[in-house]
């Protein structure tokens, strides 16, 4: 049996643009069979001061389940980024995220996180 996520959140951003990046970095966990039924794209890092950081509804380790109504089951990280960029170009972004841990306060969320090595390749 699959573990149930602790929380499913619907996160909407209106009036967004590519000039104000979302600030999330993504990773794939294609070999993580426990969560495979809900997709395989996870938030690996959130840029400090970014739109996602200021909004505080997306956390590192959250799984992206949908982007603008498109289910992210068995998609590549590149495809998920393309969906996000399309939403930014259109000015509206609707994300569905699943979290297997309870939310933490923003001040403690990134205390032990490290910046990704190739941050320029991420969103």
PDB file of N, CA and C in Angstrom:
ATOM      1  N   UNK A   1       0.829  -1.187   0.000  1.00  0.00           N
ATOM      2  CA  UNK A   1       0.000   0.000   0.000  1.00  0.00           C
ATOM      3  C   UNK A   1       0.873   1.250   0.000  1.00  0.00           C
ATOM      4  N   UNK A   2       0.370   2.275  -0.692  1.00  0.00           N
ATOM      5  CA  UNK A   2       1.076   3.549  -0.718  1.00  0.00           C
ATOM      6  C   UNK A   2       0.782   4.331   0.548  1.00  0.00           C
ATOM      7  N   UNK A   3       1.773   5.046   1.033  1.00  0.00           N
ATOM      8  CA  UNK A   3       1.552   5.946   2.154  1.00  0.00           C
ATOM      9  C   UNK A   3       0.709   7.118   1.676  1.00  0.00           C
ATOM     10  N   UNK A   4      -0.179   7.565   2.525  1.00  0.00           N
ATOM     11  CA  UNK A   4      -0.984   8.737   2.197  1.00  0.00           C
ATOM     12  C   UNK A   4      -0.190   9.989   2.557  1.00  0.00           C
ATOM     13  N   UNK A   5      -0.233  11.007   1.709  1.00  0.00           N
ATOM     14  CA  UNK A   5       0.463  12.247   2.056  1.00  0.00           C
ATOM     15  C   UNK A   5      -0.179  12.889   3.275  1.00  0.00           C
ATOM     16  N   UNK A   6       0.619  13.598   4.028  1.00  0.00           N
ATOM     17  CA  UNK A   6       0.120  14.301   5.199  1.00  0.00           C
ATOM     18  C   UNK A   6      -0.798  15.437   4.789  1.00  0.00           C
ATOM     19  N   UNK A   7      -0.547  15.998   3.609  1.00  0.00           N
ATOM     20  CA  UNK A   7      -1.316  17.164   3.181  1.00  0.00           C
ATOM     21  C   UNK A   7      -1.228  17.307   1.665  1.00  0.00           C
ATOM     22  N   UNK A   8      -2.349  17.639   1.044  1.00  0.00           N
ATOM     23  CA  UNK A   8      -2.396  18.010  -0.372  1.00  0.00           C
ATOM     24  C   UNK A   8      -2.768  19.491  -0.407  1.00  0.00           C
ATOM     25  N   UNK A   9      -1.973  20.309  -1.101  1.00  0.00           N
ATOM     26  CA  UNK A   9      -2.246  21.739  -1.184  1.00  0.00           C
ATOM     27  C   UNK A   9      -2.409  22.171  -2.635  1.00  0.00           C
ATOM     28  N   UNK A  10      -3.366  23.064  -2.860  1.00  0.00           N
ATOM     29  CA  UNK A  10      -3.555  23.688  -4.162  1.00  0.00           C
ATOM     30  C   UNK A  10      -3.024  25.109  -4.037  1.00  0.00           C
ATOM     31  N   UNK A  11      -2.001  25.411  -4.803  1.00  0.00           N
ATOM     32  CA  UNK A  11      -1.307  26.688  -4.703  1.00  0.00           C
ATOM     33  C   UNK A  11      -1.481  27.439  -6.017  1.00  0.00           C
ATOM     34  N   UNK A  12      -2.158  28.575  -5.961  1.00  0.00           N
ATOM     35  CA  UNK A  12      -2.405  29.378  -7.161  1.00  0.00           C
ATOM     36  C   UNK A  12      -1.624  30.681  -7.091  1.00  0.00           C
ATOM     37  N   UNK A  13      -0.993  31.024  -8.208  1.00  0.00           N
ATOM     38  CA  UNK A  13      -0.289  32.294  -8.351  1.00  0.00           C
ATOM     39  C   UNK A  13      -0.910  33.016  -9.536  1.00  0.00           C
ATOM     40  N   UNK A  14      -1.479  34.181  -9.294  1.00  0.00           N
ATOM     41  CA  UNK A  14      -2.032  35.004 -10.369  1.00  0.00           C
ATOM     42  C   UNK A  14      -1.093  36.174 -10.611  1.00  0.00           C
ATOM     43  N   UNK A  15      -1.156  36.710 -11.813  1.00  0.00           N
ATOM     44  CA  UNK A  15      -0.325  37.852 -12.198  1.00  0.00           C
ATOM     45  C   UNK A  15       1.162  37.562 -12.007  1.00  0.00           C
ATOM     46  N   UNK A  16       1.596  36.367 -12.404  1.00  0.00           N
ATOM     47  CA  UNK A  16       3.009  36.015 -12.343  1.00  0.00           C
ATOM     48  C   UNK A  16       3.641  36.253 -13.709  1.00  0.00           C
ATOM     49  N   UNK A  17       4.967  36.315 -13.715  1.00  0.00           N
ATOM     50  CA  UNK A  17       5.680  36.502 -14.975  1.00  0.00           C
ATOM     51  C   UNK A  17       7.070  35.882 -14.874  1.00  0.00           C
ATOM     52  N   UNK A  18       7.723  35.774 -15.999  1.00  0.00           N
ATOM     53  CA  UNK A  18       9.073  35.219 -16.015  1.00  0.00           C
ATOM     54  C   UNK A  18      10.080  36.163 -15.375  1.00  0.00           C
ATOM     55  N   UNK A  19       9.736  37.449 -15.236  1.00  0.00           N
ATOM     56  CA  UNK A  19      10.637  38.399 -14.581  1.00  0.00           C
ATOM     57  C   UNK A  19      10.713  38.158 -13.083  1.00  0.00           C
ATOM     58  N   UNK A  20       9.702  37.480 -12.523  1.00  0.00           N
ATOM     59  CA  UNK A  20       9.670  37.163 -11.094  1.00  0.00           C
ATOM     60  C   UNK A  20       9.633  35.651 -10.961  1.00  0.00           C
ATOM     61  N   UNK A  21      10.801  35.012 -10.947  1.00  0.00           N
ATOM     62  CA  UNK A  21      10.847  33.547 -10.954  1.00  0.00           C
ATOM     63  C   UNK A  21      10.201  32.933  -9.717  1.00  0.00           C
ATOM     64  N   UNK A  22       9.636  31.766  -9.934  1.00  0.00           N
ATOM     65  CA  UNK A  22       9.013  31.019  -8.849  1.00  0.00           C
ATOM     66  C   UNK A  22      10.059  30.625  -7.808  1.00  0.00           C
ATOM     67  N   UNK A  23      11.247  30.263  -8.260  1.00  0.00           N
ATOM     68  CA  UNK A  23      12.356  29.994  -7.343  1.00  0.00           C
ATOM     69  C   UNK A  23      12.389  28.598  -6.769  1.00  0.00           C
ATOM     70  N   UNK A  24      11.769  27.643  -7.451  1.00  0.00           N
ATOM     71  CA  UNK A  24      11.857  26.262  -6.968  1.00  0.00           C
ATOM     72  C   UNK A  24      12.782  25.478  -7.885  1.00  0.00           C
ATOM     73  N   UNK A  25      13.545  24.593  -7.293  1.00  0.00           N
ATOM     74  CA  UNK A  25      14.419  23.686  -8.024  1.00  0.00           C
ATOM     75  C   UNK A  25      13.811  22.300  -7.908  1.00  0.00           C
ATOM     76  N   UNK A  26      13.842  21.571  -8.995  1.00  0.00           N
ATOM     77  CA  UNK A  26      13.160  20.283  -9.056  1.00  0.00           C
ATOM     78  C   UNK A  26      14.131  19.132  -9.191  1.00  0.00           C
ATOM     79  N   UNK A  27      13.703  17.963  -8.714  1.00  0.00           N
ATOM     80  CA  UNK A  27      14.469  16.741  -8.888  1.00  0.00           C
ATOM     81  C   UNK A  27      13.495  15.607  -9.156  1.00  0.00           C
ATOM     82  N   UNK A  28      13.999  14.571  -9.779  1.00  0.00           N
ATOM     83  CA  UNK A  28      13.180  13.406 -10.085  1.00  0.00           C
ATOM     84  C   UNK A  28      13.527  12.277  -9.130  1.00  0.00           C
ATOM     85  N   UNK A  29      12.511  11.566  -8.715  1.00  0.00           N
ATOM     86  CA  UNK A  29      12.716  10.374  -7.896  1.00  0.00           C
ATOM     87  C   UNK A  29      11.985   9.225  -8.585  1.00  0.00           C
ATOM     88  N   UNK A  30      12.381   8.968  -9.821  1.00  0.00           N
ATOM     89  CA  UNK A  30      11.703   7.956 -10.635  1.00  0.00           C
ATOM     90  C   UNK A  30      11.802   6.572 -10.016  1.00  0.00           C
ATOM     91  N   UNK A  31      12.832   6.303  -9.239  1.00  0.00           N
ATOM     92  CA  UNK A  31      12.992   4.983  -8.645  1.00  0.00           C
ATOM     93  C   UNK A  31      12.350   4.875  -7.263  1.00  0.00           C
ATOM     94  N   UNK A  32      11.656   5.918  -6.855  1.00  0.00           N
ATOM     95  CA  UNK A  32      10.988   5.910  -5.570  1.00  0.00           C
ATOM     96  C   UNK A  32       9.594   5.303  -5.760  1.00  0.00           C
ATOM     97  N   UNK A  33       9.507   3.992  -5.739  1.00  0.00           N
ATOM     98  CA  UNK A  33       8.267   3.295  -6.041  1.00  0.00           C
ATOM     99  C   UNK A  33       7.161   3.579  -5.030  1.00  0.00           C
ATOM    100  N   UNK A  34       7.512   3.936  -3.813  1.00  0.00           N
ATOM    101  CA  UNK A  34       6.501   4.205  -2.791  1.00  0.00           C
ATOM    102  C   UNK A  34       5.596   5.362  -3.213  1.00  0.00           C
ATOM    103  N   UNK A  35       6.158   6.360  -3.893  1.00  0.00           N
ATOM    104  CA  UNK A  35       5.393   7.536  -4.283  1.00  0.00           C
ATOM    105  C   UNK A  35       5.104   7.573  -5.781  1.00  0.00           C
ATOM    106  N   UNK A  36       5.456   6.567  -6.497  1.00  0.00           N
ATOM    107  CA  UNK A  36       5.365   6.588  -7.955  1.00  0.00           C
ATOM    108  C   UNK A  36       3.948   6.822  -8.481  1.00  0.00           C
ATOM    109  N   UNK A  37       2.940   6.327  -7.793  1.00  0.00           N
ATOM    110  CA  UNK A  37       1.571   6.472  -8.271  1.00  0.00           C
ATOM    111  C   UNK A  37       1.124   7.930  -8.315  1.00  0.00           C
ATOM    112  N   UNK A  38       1.735   8.800  -7.521  1.00  0.00           N
ATOM    113  CA  UNK A  38       1.354  10.205  -7.523  1.00  0.00           C
ATOM    114  C   UNK A  38       2.292  11.066  -8.359  1.00  0.00           C
ATOM    115  N   UNK A  39       3.278  10.487  -9.003  1.00  0.00           N
ATOM    116  CA  UNK A  39       4.213  11.267  -9.804  1.00  0.00           C
ATOM    117  C   UNK A  39       5.626  11.113  -9.300  1.00  0.00           C
ATOM    118  N   UNK A  40       6.547  11.834  -9.935  1.00  0.00           N
ATOM    119  CA  UNK A  40       7.938  11.646  -9.559  1.00  0.00           C
ATOM    120  C   UNK A  40       8.770  12.917  -9.604  1.00  0.00           C
ATOM    121  N   UNK A  41       8.150  14.074  -9.477  1.00  0.00           N
ATOM    122  CA  UNK A  41       8.889  15.328  -9.499  1.00  0.00           C
ATOM    123  C   UNK A  41       8.727  16.002  -8.138  1.00  0.00           C
ATOM    124  N   UNK A  42       9.864  16.305  -7.517  1.00  0.00           N
ATOM    125  CA  UNK A  42       9.877  16.851  -6.166  1.00  0.00           C
ATOM    126  C   UNK A  42      10.613  18.188  -6.130  1.00  0.00           C
ATOM    127  N   UNK A  43      10.279  19.011  -5.145  1.00  0.00           N
ATOM    128  CA  UNK A  43      10.972  20.274  -4.901  1.00  0.00           C
ATOM    129  C   UNK A  43      12.227  19.959  -4.109  1.00  0.00           C
ATOM    130  N   UNK A  44      13.379  20.233  -4.697  1.00  0.00           N
ATOM    131  CA  UNK A  44      14.636  19.939  -4.011  1.00  0.00           C
ATOM    132  C   UNK A  44      15.177  21.137  -3.241  1.00  0.00           C
ATOM    133  N   UNK A  45      14.847  22.341  -3.686  1.00  0.00           N
ATOM    134  CA  UNK A  45      15.398  23.545  -3.057  1.00  0.00           C
ATOM    135  C   UNK A  45      14.510  24.724  -3.413  1.00  0.00           C
ATOM    136  N   UNK A  46      14.392  25.683  -2.523  1.00  0.00           N
ATOM    137  CA  UNK A  46      13.644  26.915  -2.772  1.00  0.00           C
ATOM    138  C   UNK A  46      14.584  28.091  -2.561  1.00  0.00           C
ATOM    139  N   UNK A  47      14.702  28.948  -3.568  1.00  0.00           N
ATOM    140  CA  UNK A  47      15.566  30.121  -3.466  1.00  0.00           C
ATOM    141  C   UNK A  47      15.038  31.086  -2.404  1.00  0.00           C
ATOM    142  N   UNK A  48      15.920  31.549  -1.565  1.00  0.00           N
ATOM    143  CA  UNK A  48      15.561  32.518  -0.542  1.00  0.00           C
ATOM    144  C   UNK A  48      15.083  33.818  -1.198  1.00  0.00           C
ATOM    145  N   UNK A  49      13.951  34.335  -0.733  1.00  0.00           N
ATOM    146  CA  UNK A  49      13.406  35.586  -1.258  1.00  0.00           C
ATOM    147  C   UNK A  49      12.590  35.434  -2.532  1.00  0.00           C
ATOM    148  N   UNK A  50      12.507  34.219  -3.076  1.00  0.00           N
ATOM    149  CA  UNK A  50      11.758  34.003  -4.317  1.00  0.00           C
ATOM    150  C   UNK A  50      10.252  34.045  -4.047  1.00  0.00           C
ATOM    151  N   UNK A  51       9.468  34.013  -5.121  1.00  0.00           N
ATOM    152  CA  UNK A  51       8.018  34.005  -5.010  1.00  0.00           C
ATOM    153  C   UNK A  51       7.535  32.838  -4.144  1.00  0.00           C
ATOM    154  N   UNK A  52       8.056  31.642  -4.379  1.00  0.00           N
ATOM    155  CA  UNK A  52       7.651  30.468  -3.595  1.00  0.00           C
ATOM    156  C   UNK A  52       8.060  30.611  -2.129  1.00  0.00           C
ATOM    157  N   UNK A  53       9.218  31.189  -1.884  1.00  0.00           N
ATOM    158  CA  UNK A  53       9.685  31.378  -0.508  1.00  0.00           C
ATOM    159  C   UNK A  53       8.797  32.370   0.234  1.00  0.00           C
ATOM    160  N   UNK A  54       8.487  33.471  -0.409  1.00  0.00           N
ATOM    161  CA  UNK A  54       7.645  34.484   0.235  1.00  0.00           C
ATOM    162  C   UNK A  54       6.222  33.973   0.448  1.00  0.00           C
ATOM    163  N   UNK A  55       5.734  33.162  -0.474  1.00  0.00           N
ATOM    164  CA  UNK A  55       4.371  32.637  -0.377  1.00  0.00           C
ATOM    165  C   UNK A  55       4.253  31.603   0.740  1.00  0.00           C
ATOM    166  N   UNK A  56       5.249  30.742   0.895  1.00  0.00           N
ATOM    167  CA  UNK A  56       5.368  29.789   2.001  1.00  0.00           C
ATOM    168  C   UNK A  56       4.362  28.631   1.982  1.00  0.00           C
ATOM    169  N   UNK A  57       3.773  28.324   0.829  1.00  0.00           N
ATOM    170  CA  UNK A  57       2.881  27.165   0.761  1.00  0.00           C
ATOM    171  C   UNK A  57       3.551  25.963   0.115  1.00  0.00           C
ATOM    172  N   UNK A  58       4.746  26.146  -0.442  1.00  0.00           N
ATOM    173  CA  UNK A  58       5.509  25.063  -1.056  1.00  0.00           C
ATOM    174  C   UNK A  58       6.760  24.858  -0.208  1.00  0.00           C
ATOM    175  N   UNK A  59       7.064  23.607   0.088  1.00  0.00           N
ATOM    176  CA  UNK A  59       8.221  23.293   0.924  1.00  0.00           C
ATOM    177  C   UNK A  59       9.170  22.352   0.204  1.00  0.00           C
ATOM    178  N   UNK A  60      10.421  22.406   0.588  1.00  0.00           N
ATOM    179  CA  UNK A  60      11.396  21.452   0.061  1.00  0.00           C
ATOM    180  C   UNK A  60      10.936  20.044   0.419  1.00  0.00           C
ATOM    181  N   UNK A  61      11.015  19.135  -0.541  1.00  0.00           N
ATOM    182  CA  UNK A  61      10.569  17.772  -0.331  1.00  0.00           C
ATOM    183  C   UNK A  61       9.144  17.532  -0.786  1.00  0.00           C
ATOM    184  N   UNK A  62       8.387  18.601  -1.044  1.00  0.00           N
ATOM    185  CA  UNK A  62       7.032  18.439  -1.561  1.00  0.00           C
ATOM    186  C   UNK A  62       7.082  17.849  -2.964  1.00  0.00           C
ATOM    187  N   UNK A  63       6.068  17.095  -3.284  1.00  0.00           N
ATOM    188  CA  UNK A  63       5.946  16.506  -4.612  1.00  0.00           C
ATOM    189  C   UNK A  63       4.991  17.353  -5.439  1.00  0.00           C
ATOM    190  N   UNK A  64       5.392  17.699  -6.666  1.00  0.00           N
ATOM    191  CA  UNK A  64       4.484  18.369  -7.580  1.00  0.00           C
ATOM    192  C   UNK A  64       3.605  17.314  -8.223  1.00  0.00           C
ATOM    193  N   UNK A  65       2.318  17.407  -8.007  1.00  0.00           N
ATOM    194  CA  UNK A  65       1.370  16.432  -8.541  1.00  0.00           C
ATOM    195  C   UNK A  65       0.774  16.937  -9.846  1.00  0.00           C
ATOM    196  N   UNK A  66       0.444  18.241  -9.897  1.00  0.00           N
ATOM    197  CA  UNK A  66      -0.129  18.850 -11.101  1.00  0.00           C
ATOM    198  C   UNK A  66       0.400  20.258 -11.286  1.00  0.00           C
ATOM    199  N   UNK A  67       0.531  20.663 -12.547  1.00  0.00           N
ATOM    200  CA  UNK A  67       0.849  22.040 -12.910  1.00  0.00           C
ATOM    201  C   UNK A  67      -0.189  22.467 -13.936  1.00  0.00           C
ATOM    202  N   UNK A  68      -0.984  23.483 -13.591  1.00  0.00           N
ATOM    203  CA  UNK A  68      -2.048  23.984 -14.467  1.00  0.00           C
ATOM    204  C   UNK A  68      -2.920  22.855 -15.009  1.00  0.00           C
ATOM    205  N   UNK A  69      -3.292  21.941 -14.134  1.00  0.00           N
ATOM    206  CA  UNK A  69      -4.179  20.845 -14.499  1.00  0.00           C
ATOM    207  C   UNK A  69      -3.519  19.673 -15.200  1.00  0.00           C
ATOM    208  N   UNK A  70      -2.237  19.766 -15.459  1.00  0.00           N
ATOM    209  CA  UNK A  70      -1.514  18.669 -16.110  1.00  0.00           C
ATOM    210  C   UNK A  70      -0.871  17.785 -15.053  1.00  0.00           C
ATOM    211  N   UNK A  71      -1.275  16.554 -15.011  1.00  0.00           N
ATOM    212  CA  UNK A  71      -0.767  15.583 -14.042  1.00  0.00           C
ATOM    213  C   UNK A  71       0.703  15.284 -14.343  1.00  0.00           C
ATOM    214  N   UNK A  72       1.524  15.228 -13.319  1.00  0.00           N
ATOM    215  CA  UNK A  72       2.956  15.014 -13.486  1.00  0.00           C
ATOM    216  C   UNK A  72       3.356  13.566 -13.229  1.00  0.00           C
ATOM    217  N   UNK A  73       2.524  12.641 -13.589  1.00  0.00           N
ATOM    218  CA  UNK A  73       2.856  11.232 -13.432  1.00  0.00           C
ATOM    219  C   UNK A  73       3.807  10.813 -14.539  1.00  0.00           C
ATOM    220  N   UNK A  74       4.942  10.281 -14.136  1.00  0.00           N
ATOM    221  CA  UNK A  74       5.952   9.773 -15.060  1.00  0.00           C
ATOM    222  C   UNK A  74       6.378  10.801 -16.114  1.00  0.00           C
ATOM    223  N   UNK A  75       6.677  12.013 -15.665  1.00  0.00           N
ATOM    224  CA  UNK A  75       7.224  13.027 -16.557  1.00  0.00           C
ATOM    225  C   UNK A  75       8.638  13.357 -16.106  1.00  0.00           C
ATOM    226  N   UNK A  76       9.421  13.892 -17.018  1.00  0.00           N
ATOM    227  CA  UNK A  76      10.775  14.307 -16.679  1.00  0.00           C
ATOM    228  C   UNK A  76      10.740  15.654 -15.961  1.00  0.00           C
ATOM    229  N   UNK A  77      11.813  15.965 -15.271  1.00  0.00           N
ATOM    230  CA  UNK A  77      11.937  17.273 -14.625  1.00  0.00           C
ATOM    231  C   UNK A  77      11.863  18.372 -15.678  1.00  0.00           C
ATOM    232  N   UNK A  78      12.473  18.141 -16.829  1.00  0.00           N
ATOM    233  CA  UNK A  78      12.455  19.136 -17.897  1.00  0.00           C
ATOM    234  C   UNK A  78      11.033  19.431 -18.358  1.00  0.00           C
ATOM    235  N   UNK A  79      10.202  18.407 -18.463  1.00  0.00           N
ATOM    236  CA  UNK A  79       8.814  18.589 -18.875  1.00  0.00           C
ATOM    237  C   UNK A  79       8.035  19.357 -17.806  1.00  0.00           C
ATOM    238  N   UNK A  80       8.275  19.033 -16.542  1.00  0.00           N
ATOM    239  CA  UNK A  80       7.618  19.762 -15.453  1.00  0.00           C
ATOM    240  C   UNK A  80       8.018  21.238 -15.480  1.00  0.00           C
ATOM    241  N   UNK A  81       9.297  21.521 -15.743  1.00  0.00           N
ATOM    242  CA  UNK A  81       9.758  22.909 -15.854  1.00  0.00           C
ATOM    243  C   UNK A  81       9.069  23.614 -17.005  1.00  0.00           C
ATOM    244  N   UNK A  82       8.879  22.906 -18.112  1.00  0.00           N
ATOM    245  CA  UNK A  82       8.214  23.487 -19.274  1.00  0.00           C
ATOM    246  C   UNK A  82       6.777  23.871 -18.921  1.00  0.00           C
ATOM    247  N   UNK A  83       6.073  23.015 -18.178  1.00  0.00           N
ATOM    248  CA  UNK A  83       4.705  23.333 -17.747  1.00  0.00           C
ATOM    249  C   UNK A  83       4.696  24.582 -16.866  1.00  0.00           C
ATOM    250  N   UNK A  84       5.656  24.680 -15.951  1.00  0.00           N
ATOM    251  CA  UNK A  84       5.746  25.847 -15.070  1.00  0.00           C
ATOM    252  C   UNK A  84       6.047  27.105 -15.883  1.00  0.00           C
ATOM    253  N   UNK A  85       7.013  27.023 -16.796  1.00  0.00           N
ATOM    254  CA  UNK A  85       7.358  28.178 -17.625  1.00  0.00           C
ATOM    255  C   UNK A  85       6.181  28.614 -18.486  1.00  0.00           C
ATOM    256  N   UNK A  86       5.399  27.669 -18.984  1.00  0.00           N
ATOM    257  CA  UNK A  86       4.209  28.002 -19.770  1.00  0.00           C
ATOM    258  C   UNK A  86       3.214  28.788 -18.929  1.00  0.00           C
ATOM    259  N   UNK A  87       3.035  28.376 -17.683  1.00  0.00           N
ATOM    260  CA  UNK A  87       2.151  29.102 -16.778  1.00  0.00           C
ATOM    261  C   UNK A  87       2.657  30.500 -16.478  1.00  0.00           C
ATOM    262  N   UNK A  88       3.970  30.631 -16.301  1.00  0.00           N
ATOM    263  CA  UNK A  88       4.544  31.959 -16.056  1.00  0.00           C
ATOM    264  C   UNK A  88       4.335  32.866 -17.264  1.00  0.00           C
ATOM    265  N   UNK A  89       4.506  32.307 -18.471  1.00  0.00           N
ATOM    266  CA  UNK A  89       4.275  33.102 -19.682  1.00  0.00           C
ATOM    267  C   UNK A  89       2.811  33.522 -19.805  1.00  0.00           C
ATOM    268  N   UNK A  90       1.900  32.655 -19.383  1.00  0.00           N
ATOM    269  CA  UNK A  90       0.469  32.945 -19.457  1.00  0.00           C
ATOM    270  C   UNK A  90       0.005  33.865 -18.326  1.00  0.00           C
ATOM    271  N   UNK A  91       0.817  34.011 -17.276  1.00  0.00           N
ATOM    272  CA  UNK A  91       0.483  34.907 -16.177  1.00  0.00           C
ATOM    273  C   UNK A  91      -0.287  34.257 -15.040  1.00  0.00           C
ATOM    274  N   UNK A  92      -0.495  32.947 -15.111  1.00  0.00           N
ATOM    275  CA  UNK A  92      -1.227  32.255 -14.056  1.00  0.00           C
ATOM    276  C   UNK A  92      -0.644  30.864 -13.857  1.00  0.00           C
ATOM    277  N   UNK A  93      -0.456  30.496 -12.619  1.00  0.00           N
ATOM    278  CA  UNK A  93       0.146  29.205 -12.313  1.00  0.00           C
ATOM    279  C   UNK A  93      -0.638  28.546 -11.191  1.00  0.00           C
ATOM    280  N   UNK A  94      -1.126  27.330 -11.446  1.00  0.00           N
ATOM    281  CA  UNK A  94      -1.865  26.563 -10.447  1.00  0.00           C
ATOM    282  C   UNK A  94      -1.108  25.264 -10.203  1.00  0.00           C
ATOM    283  N   UNK A  95      -0.640  25.073  -8.983  1.00  0.00           N
ATOM    284  CA  UNK A  95       0.123  23.880  -8.621  1.00  0.00           C
ATOM    285  C   UNK A  95      -0.651  23.063  -7.597  1.00  0.00           C
ATOM    286  N   UNK A  96      -0.539  21.763  -7.704  1.00  0.00           N
ATOM    287  CA  UNK A  96      -1.016  20.860  -6.661  1.00  0.00           C
ATOM    288  C   UNK A  96       0.210  20.151  -6.120  1.00  0.00           C
ATOM    289  N   UNK A  97       0.430  20.263  -4.817  1.00  0.00           N
ATOM    290  CA  UNK A  97       1.601  19.657  -4.194  1.00  0.00           C
ATOM    291  C   UNK A  97       1.151  18.705  -3.096  1.00  0.00           C
ATOM    292  N   UNK A  98       1.925  17.641  -2.928  1.00  0.00           N
ATOM    293  CA  UNK A  98       1.683  16.667  -1.853  1.00  0.00           C
ATOM    294  C   UNK A  98       2.875  16.699  -0.922  1.00  0.00           C
ATOM    295  N   UNK A  99       2.593  16.662   0.362  1.00  0.00           N
ATOM    296  CA  UNK A  99       3.652  16.664   1.359  1.00  0.00           C
ATOM    297  C   UNK A  99       3.478  15.454   2.266  1.00  0.00           C
ATOM    298  N   UNK A 100       4.573  14.755   2.517  1.00  0.00           N
ATOM    299  CA  UNK A 100       4.534  13.597   3.408  1.00  0.00           C
ATOM    300  C   UNK A 100       4.958  13.967   4.820  1.00  0.00           C
ATOM    301  N   UNK A 101       5.287  15.231   5.025  1.00  0.00           N
ATOM    302  CA  UNK A 101       5.638  15.703   6.365  1.00  0.00           C
ATOM    303  C   UNK A 101       4.779  16.909   6.680  1.00  0.00           C
ATOM    304  N   UNK A 102       4.584  17.167   7.935  1.00  0.00           N
ATOM    305  CA  UNK A 102       3.820  18.342   8.342  1.00  0.00           C
ATOM    306  C   UNK A 102       4.601  19.600   7.990  1.00  0.00           C
ATOM    307  N   UNK A 103       3.878  20.652   7.714  1.00  0.00           N
ATOM    308  CA  UNK A 103       4.529  21.911   7.348  1.00  0.00           C
ATOM    309  C   UNK A 103       5.350  22.442   8.499  1.00  0.00           C
ATOM    310  N   UNK A 104       6.450  23.091   8.121  1.00  0.00           N
ATOM    311  CA  UNK A 104       7.324  23.724   9.109  1.00  0.00           C
ATOM    312  C   UNK A 104       7.296  25.223   8.881  1.00  0.00           C
ATOM    313  N   UNK A 105       7.610  25.949   9.900  1.00  0.00           N
ATOM    314  CA  UNK A 105       7.685  27.401   9.745  1.00  0.00           C
ATOM    315  C   UNK A 105       8.796  27.758   8.770  1.00  0.00           C
ATOM    316  N   UNK A 106       8.619  28.841   8.056  1.00  0.00           N
ATOM    317  CA  UNK A 106       9.598  29.270   7.052  1.00  0.00           C
ATOM    318  C   UNK A 106      10.977  29.484   7.661  1.00  0.00           C
ATOM    319  N   UNK A 107      11.047  29.975   8.898  1.00  0.00           N
ATOM    320  CA  UNK A 107      12.338  30.269   9.508  1.00  0.00           C
ATOM    321  C   UNK A 107      13.153  29.010   9.779  1.00  0.00           C
ATOM    322  N   UNK A 108      12.498  27.859   9.933  1.00  0.00           N
ATOM    323  CA  UNK A 108      13.240  26.629  10.193  1.00  0.00           C
ATOM    324  C   UNK A 108      13.292  25.728   8.968  1.00  0.00           C
ATOM    325  N   UNK A 109      12.562  26.068   7.927  1.00  0.00           N
ATOM    326  CA  UNK A 109      12.412  25.192   6.770  1.00  0.00           C
ATOM    327  C   UNK A 109      13.736  24.897   6.093  1.00  0.00           C
ATOM    328  N   UNK A 110      14.595  25.897   5.923  1.00  0.00           N
ATOM    329  CA  UNK A 110      15.808  25.686   5.155  1.00  0.00           C
ATOM    330  C   UNK A 110      17.072  25.671   6.007  1.00  0.00           C
ATOM    331  N   UNK A 111      16.921  25.492   7.273  1.00  0.00           N
ATOM    332  CA  UNK A 111      18.080  25.559   8.158  1.00  0.00           C
ATOM    333  C   UNK A 111      19.165  24.569   7.758  1.00  0.00           C
ATOM    334  N   UNK A 112      18.800  23.372   7.352  1.00  0.00           N
ATOM    335  CA  UNK A 112      19.777  22.342   7.049  1.00  0.00           C
ATOM    336  C   UNK A 112      19.919  22.087   5.553  1.00  0.00           C
ATOM    337  N   UNK A 113      19.336  22.949   4.723  1.00  0.00           N
ATOM    338  CA  UNK A 113      19.378  22.746   3.277  1.00  0.00           C
ATOM    339  C   UNK A 113      20.662  23.294   2.680  1.00  0.00           C
ATOM    340  N   UNK A 114      21.027  22.715   1.576  1.00  0.00           N
ATOM    341  CA  UNK A 114      22.182  23.204   0.818  1.00  0.00           C
ATOM    342  C   UNK A 114      21.719  23.593  -0.564  1.00  0.00           C
ATOM    343  N   UNK A 115      22.346  24.600  -1.101  1.00  0.00           N
ATOM    344  CA  UNK A 115      22.025  25.037  -2.451  1.00  0.00           C
ATOM    345  C   UNK A 115      22.462  23.958  -3.443  1.00  0.00           C
ATOM    346  N   UNK A 116      21.651  23.710  -4.492  1.00  0.00           N
ATOM    347  CA  UNK A 116      22.035  22.687  -5.472  1.00  0.00           C
ATOM    348  C   UNK A 116      23.305  23.078  -6.201  1.00  0.00           C
ATOM    349  N   UNK A 117      24.061  22.086  -6.621  1.00  0.00           N
ATOM    350  CA  UNK A 117      25.344  22.336  -7.301  1.00  0.00           C
ATOM    351  C   UNK A 117      25.169  23.103  -8.600  1.00  0.00           C
ATOM    352  N   UNK A 118      24.180  22.722  -9.411  1.00  0.00           N
ATOM    353  CA  UNK A 118      23.953  23.372 -10.712  1.00  0.00           C
ATOM    354  C   UNK A 118      22.675  24.178 -10.680  1.00  0.00           C
ATOM    355  N   UNK A 119      22.640  25.180  -9.829  1.00  0.00           N
ATOM    356  CA  UNK A 119      21.438  25.957  -9.641  1.00  0.00           C
ATOM    357  C   UNK A 119      21.018  26.679 -10.907  1.00  0.00           C
ATOM    358  N   UNK A 120      21.931  26.988 -11.802  1.00  0.00           N
ATOM    359  CA  UNK A 120      21.581  27.705 -13.022  1.00  0.00           C
ATOM    360  C   UNK A 120      20.727  26.856 -13.954  1.00  0.00           C
ATOM    361  N   UNK A 121      20.695  25.545 -13.764  1.00  0.00           N
ATOM    362  CA  UNK A 121      19.900  24.661 -14.609  1.00  0.00           C
ATOM    363  C   UNK A 121      18.462  24.543 -14.131  1.00  0.00           C
ATOM    364  N   UNK A 122      18.164  25.031 -12.932  1.00  0.00           N
ATOM    365  CA  UNK A 122      16.848  24.866 -12.351  1.00  0.00           C
ATOM    366  C   UNK A 122      16.026  26.121 -12.522  1.00  0.00           C
ATOM    367  N   UNK A 123      14.726  26.007 -12.158  1.00  0.00           N
ATOM    368  CA  UNK A 123      13.811  27.161 -12.233  1.00  0.00           C
ATOM    369  C   UNK A 123      14.106  28.149 -11.146  1.00  0.00           C
TER     370      UNK A 123
END
